[in-house]
């Protein structure tokens, strides 16, 4: 055995190990550790939400099987404005409910006759029939935001408020998963944001996680449909869905029915 040759081999082996270590992590040793999937957003001293690159978002969020139906923006392109924190979403507009007064228990002077009431009811029914035939979407304003009828539980009204805050934000795959505060949202981040507005979530979930969240079956007010590739929900009869919107900045609130096949059905407990 040649001692000189053995020494050369040992020196070469040490050099190769050193190069391998530098290539695997040495170049990234000063970079911050990657944020785990679904971890809560961190805030700096000035309160700026934690950001992650679009490439990193895509690495932690399963591919949306209905992304093409949501008019996604090109890769690397986001919207131009940011949503507020979910808890700061403006309150949803509530349709007022008539409050009766003590005078309602009796017949007021000058009250219409029964014949007049029947005539007014017939006229009202004609107006309602015409309204139902019109293209107006019940419960959805021309701004794309949904109304919250009086009498809804506060949590449901807050979910609607959260949905309204991002209703017309664009779709970007992985958007809304690095932080609730973002300029674009994918399907699961959209549902997560609305639920977080009611204090039901403290971090964005993926569609697969939403398929295991909450209680099984449909809810009275809120029903979530989720599988490994897509998620959407119905809130007080309105569908909140990134799939099927009318353009890149179309509202997520929709009334048109869609197939429910292949989805797990869940709901927030108590709702």
Protein backbone atom coordinates (compact mmCIF):
# COMPACT_ATOMS: atom_id res chain seq x y z
CA UNK A 1 0.00 0.00 0.00
CA UNK A 2 1.32 3.43 -0.91
CA UNK A 3 1.06 5.88 2.07
CA UNK A 4 1.37 8.91 -0.19
CA UNK A 5 -1.48 7.75 -2.41
CA UNK A 6 -3.74 7.05 0.63
CA UNK A 7 -3.16 10.56 1.92
CA UNK A 8 -4.17 12.10 -1.44
CA UNK A 9 -7.39 10.04 -1.45
CA UNK A 10 -8.28 11.16 2.09
CA UNK A 11 -7.72 14.83 1.23
CA UNK A 12 -9.89 14.52 -1.89
CA UNK A 13 -12.70 12.85 0.10
CA UNK A 14 -12.73 15.65 2.71
CA UNK A 15 -12.90 18.25 -0.07
CA UNK A 16 -15.89 16.51 -1.68
CA UNK A 17 -17.77 16.38 1.64
CA UNK A 18 -17.15 20.10 2.16
CA UNK A 19 -18.49 20.92 -1.30
CA UNK A 20 -21.58 18.76 -0.71
CA UNK A 21 -22.40 20.49 2.58
CA UNK A 22 -22.15 23.93 0.97
CA UNK A 23 -24.40 22.87 -1.91
CA UNK A 24 -27.21 21.44 0.30
CA UNK A 25 -27.58 24.22 2.83
CA UNK A 26 -24.55 26.36 3.15
CA UNK A 27 -25.74 28.90 0.61
CA UNK A 28 -29.08 29.21 2.47
CA UNK A 29 -27.68 29.21 5.99
CA UNK A 30 -28.42 32.92 6.45
CA UNK A 31 -31.95 32.73 5.00
CA UNK A 32 -34.95 32.37 7.35
CA UNK A 33 -36.43 28.92 7.78
CA UNK A 34 -39.35 28.06 5.54
CA UNK A 35 -42.74 28.68 7.12
CA UNK A 36 -44.68 25.44 7.77
CA UNK A 37 -47.84 24.89 5.77
CA UNK A 38 -50.85 26.52 7.45
CA UNK A 39 -48.81 28.21 10.19
CA UNK A 40 -50.29 31.47 11.57
CA UNK A 41 -49.07 34.67 9.95
CA UNK A 42 -46.28 36.35 11.89
CA UNK A 43 -46.12 40.12 12.37
CA UNK A 44 -43.05 42.32 12.60
CA UNK A 45 -42.53 45.30 14.83
CA UNK A 46 -44.59 47.46 12.52
CA UNK A 47 -47.38 44.89 12.26
CA UNK A 48 -46.59 43.90 8.64
CA UNK A 49 -47.94 40.38 7.99
CA UNK A 50 -45.46 37.66 7.12
CA UNK A 51 -45.02 37.14 3.37
CA UNK A 52 -43.90 34.11 1.44
CA UNK A 53 -42.94 33.92 -2.23
CA UNK A 54 -45.51 32.69 -4.73
CA UNK A 55 -43.23 29.74 -5.52
CA UNK A 56 -43.22 28.73 -1.86
CA UNK A 57 -47.00 29.05 -1.63
CA UNK A 58 -47.38 26.72 -4.55
CA UNK A 59 -45.11 24.21 -2.91
CA UNK A 60 -47.32 23.93 0.19
CA UNK A 61 -50.83 24.16 -1.33
CA UNK A 62 -52.31 21.25 -3.31
CA UNK A 63 -53.21 22.01 -6.89
CA UNK A 64 -56.76 23.38 -7.31
CA UNK A 65 -58.67 21.08 -9.64
CA UNK A 66 -60.98 23.96 -10.68
CA UNK A 67 -58.39 26.71 -10.98
CA UNK A 68 -59.06 27.22 -14.68
CA UNK A 69 -62.74 27.96 -13.93
CA UNK A 70 -61.72 30.78 -11.58
CA UNK A 71 -60.09 32.99 -14.22
CA UNK A 72 -56.64 32.84 -12.60
CA UNK A 73 -54.24 35.71 -13.11
CA UNK A 74 -50.92 34.86 -14.79
CA UNK A 75 -48.20 33.45 -12.56
CA UNK A 76 -46.51 36.15 -10.50
CA UNK A 77 -49.35 38.68 -11.02
CA UNK A 78 -51.48 39.76 -8.07
CA UNK A 79 -54.12 42.38 -7.49
CA UNK A 80 -53.44 46.01 -6.68
CA UNK A 81 -54.91 46.28 -3.19
CA UNK A 82 -54.78 44.31 0.02
CA UNK A 83 -57.65 42.91 2.05
CA UNK A 84 -57.89 43.82 5.73
CA UNK A 85 -57.35 41.33 8.50
CA UNK A 86 -60.44 39.06 8.57
CA UNK A 87 -61.54 40.37 11.95
CA UNK A 88 -61.51 43.92 10.58
CA UNK A 89 -63.77 43.13 7.61
CA UNK A 90 -66.58 45.73 7.34
CA UNK A 91 -69.92 44.51 8.64
CA UNK A 92 -72.24 43.01 6.06
CA UNK A 93 -75.24 45.05 5.03
CA UNK A 94 -78.32 43.78 6.82
CA UNK A 95 -81.77 43.80 5.29
CA UNK A 96 -83.95 45.52 7.92
CA UNK A 97 -86.79 43.63 9.49
CA UNK A 98 -90.02 45.43 10.32
CA UNK A 99 -90.57 45.87 14.04
CA UNK A 100 -94.19 45.83 15.19
CA UNK A 101 -95.53 48.46 17.52
CA UNK A 102 -98.34 48.28 20.13
CA UNK A 103 -100.59 50.07 17.67
CA UNK A 104 -100.29 47.09 15.31
CA UNK A 105 -102.57 45.06 17.55
CA UNK A 106 -105.63 47.14 16.70
CA UNK A 107 -107.20 48.71 13.62
CA UNK A 108 -105.91 52.23 13.06
CA UNK A 109 -108.17 55.01 11.83
CA UNK A 110 -108.18 55.16 8.05
CA UNK A 111 -107.02 51.53 7.67
CA UNK A 112 -107.67 49.99 4.22
CA UNK A 113 -110.62 47.69 3.74
CA UNK A 114 -110.23 43.97 3.12
CA UNK A 115 -110.92 44.52 -0.56
CA UNK A 116 -108.17 47.13 -0.76
CA UNK A 117 -105.71 44.81 1.00
CA UNK A 118 -106.51 41.97 -1.43
CA UNK A 119 -106.02 44.32 -4.39
CA UNK A 120 -102.67 45.47 -3.01
CA UNK A 121 -101.60 41.87 -2.45
CA UNK A 122 -102.42 41.01 -6.05
CA UNK A 123 -100.37 43.96 -7.23
CA UNK A 124 -97.48 43.00 -4.95
CA UNK A 125 -97.56 39.42 -6.25
CA UNK A 126 -97.30 40.70 -9.81
CA UNK A 127 -94.26 42.78 -8.85
CA UNK A 128 -92.66 39.80 -7.11
CA UNK A 129 -93.21 37.56 -10.12
CA UNK A 130 -91.59 40.14 -12.38
CA UNK A 131 -88.72 40.52 -9.93
CA UNK A 132 -88.10 36.77 -9.86
CA UNK A 133 -87.97 36.73 -13.67
CA UNK A 134 -85.42 39.55 -13.74
CA UNK A 135 -81.68 38.83 -13.94
CA UNK A 136 -81.12 40.34 -10.50
CA UNK A 137 -79.40 37.90 -8.15
CA UNK A 138 -81.28 37.61 -4.84
CA UNK A 139 -79.16 38.64 -1.89
CA UNK A 140 -76.26 39.88 -4.06
CA UNK A 141 -75.84 43.57 -4.76
CA UNK A 142 -74.60 45.00 -8.04
CA UNK A 143 -71.29 45.60 -6.24
CA UNK A 144 -70.91 41.83 -5.93
CA UNK A 145 -71.35 41.85 -2.17
CA UNK A 146 -73.96 39.78 -0.35
CA UNK A 147 -76.62 41.05 2.03
CA UNK A 148 -77.04 39.62 5.51
CA UNK A 149 -80.77 39.35 6.28
CA UNK A 150 -81.86 40.49 9.73
CA UNK A 151 -82.15 37.66 12.20
CA UNK A 152 -79.01 35.79 11.11
CA UNK A 153 -76.65 34.74 13.90
CA UNK A 154 -73.80 37.20 14.33
CA UNK A 155 -71.23 34.57 13.31
CA UNK A 156 -73.01 34.05 9.98
CA UNK A 157 -73.19 37.79 9.38
CA UNK A 158 -69.44 37.99 10.05
CA UNK A 159 -68.78 35.17 7.56
CA UNK A 160 -70.73 37.13 4.95
CA UNK A 161 -68.75 40.26 5.86
CA UNK A 162 -65.50 38.36 5.39
CA UNK A 163 -66.68 37.02 2.06
CA UNK A 164 -67.66 40.52 0.98
CA UNK A 165 -64.20 41.88 1.85
CA UNK A 166 -62.54 39.65 -0.77
CA UNK A 167 -65.54 38.86 -3.01
CA UNK A 168 -64.03 40.46 -6.13
CA UNK A 169 -60.35 39.93 -5.43
CA UNK A 170 -58.56 38.04 -8.22
CA UNK A 171 -57.67 34.36 -8.12
CA UNK A 172 -54.00 33.39 -7.77
CA UNK A 173 -52.93 29.85 -6.95
CA UNK A 174 -51.53 29.88 -3.40
CA UNK A 175 -52.83 33.40 -2.76
CA UNK A 176 -53.90 34.01 0.83
CA UNK A 177 -51.94 31.12 2.31
CA UNK A 178 -48.82 33.01 3.36
CA UNK A 179 -51.00 35.51 5.25
CA UNK A 180 -54.69 36.33 5.53
CA UNK A 181 -53.75 39.81 4.29
CA UNK A 182 -53.10 39.46 0.57
CA UNK A 183 -54.03 40.83 -2.84
CA UNK A 184 -55.42 37.58 -4.32
CA UNK A 185 -56.93 34.36 -2.95
CA UNK A 186 -57.36 30.81 -4.17
CA UNK A 187 -60.35 28.61 -3.33
CA UNK A 188 -59.35 27.37 0.11
CA UNK A 189 -57.85 30.69 1.21
CA UNK A 190 -61.11 32.41 0.23
CA UNK A 191 -63.22 30.10 2.38
CA UNK A 192 -60.66 30.29 5.19
CA UNK A 193 -60.72 34.11 5.15
CA UNK A 194 -64.52 34.23 5.44
CA UNK A 195 -64.52 31.73 8.30
CA UNK A 196 -61.71 33.62 10.05
CA UNK A 197 -63.80 36.80 9.93
CA UNK A 198 -66.17 35.06 12.36
CA UNK A 199 -63.29 33.92 14.57
CA UNK A 200 -63.66 30.29 13.45
CA UNK A 201 -60.10 29.97 12.06
CA UNK A 202 -56.78 31.49 13.05
CA UNK A 203 -54.84 30.33 9.97
CA UNK A 204 -55.63 29.52 6.34
CA UNK A 205 -56.44 25.87 5.62
CA UNK A 206 -56.08 23.91 2.40
CA UNK A 207 -59.09 22.29 0.73
CA UNK A 208 -58.02 18.88 2.04
CA UNK A 209 -57.87 20.24 5.59
CA UNK A 210 -61.30 21.85 5.22
CA UNK A 211 -62.64 18.42 4.20
CA UNK A 212 -61.83 17.31 7.76
CA UNK A 213 -62.69 20.55 9.59
CA UNK A 214 -65.83 21.27 11.59
CA UNK A 215 -68.75 18.87 11.91
CA UNK A 216 -69.97 16.36 9.31
CA UNK A 217 -72.99 17.02 7.11
CA UNK A 218 -74.76 20.20 6.01
CA UNK A 219 -75.29 23.10 8.39
CA UNK A 220 -78.35 25.21 8.97
CA UNK A 221 -76.69 28.39 7.69
CA UNK A 222 -73.22 27.40 6.44
CA UNK A 223 -72.24 24.28 4.48
CA UNK A 224 -68.71 23.65 3.23
CA UNK A 225 -67.98 21.36 0.28
CA UNK A 226 -64.36 20.24 0.06
CA UNK A 227 -62.07 17.60 -1.35
CA UNK A 228 -58.34 17.34 -1.99
CA UNK A 229 -58.56 19.62 -5.03
CA UNK A 230 -61.22 22.27 -4.46
CA UNK A 231 -63.53 23.81 -1.88
CA UNK A 232 -66.47 26.22 -1.75
CA UNK A 233 -69.36 26.88 0.63
CA UNK A 234 -72.98 27.95 0.81
CA UNK A 235 -73.82 30.73 3.27
CA UNK A 236 -77.51 31.43 3.86
CA UNK A 237 -78.30 29.95 0.45
CA UNK A 238 -75.61 31.83 -1.52
CA UNK A 239 -72.62 30.02 -3.00
CA UNK A 240 -69.17 31.42 -2.22
CA UNK A 241 -66.87 29.91 -4.82
CA UNK A 242 -63.85 30.91 -6.92
CA UNK A 243 -65.02 28.52 -9.64
CA UNK A 244 -67.60 29.84 -12.07
CA UNK A 245 -67.04 33.55 -11.53
CA UNK A 246 -67.84 36.02 -14.31
CA UNK A 247 -64.29 37.03 -15.17
CA UNK A 248 -61.02 37.63 -13.34
CA UNK A 249 -62.64 40.18 -11.03
CA UNK A 250 -66.11 38.63 -10.84
CA UNK A 251 -67.70 38.13 -7.45
CA UNK A 252 -67.26 34.89 -5.54
CA UNK A 253 -70.91 35.13 -4.44
CA UNK A 254 -73.10 33.19 -6.86
CA UNK A 255 -76.64 31.82 -7.07
CA UNK A 256 -76.25 29.37 -9.96
CA UNK A 257 -76.24 25.73 -8.80
CA UNK A 258 -73.28 23.47 -9.46
CA UNK A 259 -72.42 19.79 -9.11
CA UNK A 260 -71.76 18.61 -5.57
CA UNK A 261 -70.47 15.19 -6.60
CA UNK A 262 -67.16 14.13 -5.09
CA UNK A 263 -67.16 16.63 -2.23
CA UNK A 264 -67.10 15.99 1.51
CA UNK A 265 -69.84 17.95 3.29
CA UNK A 266 -68.94 19.78 6.50
CA UNK A 267 -70.23 22.72 8.50
CA UNK A 268 -69.09 24.94 11.40
CA UNK A 269 -70.42 23.40 14.60
CA UNK A 270 -73.64 25.12 15.65
CA UNK A 271 -74.17 26.85 12.30
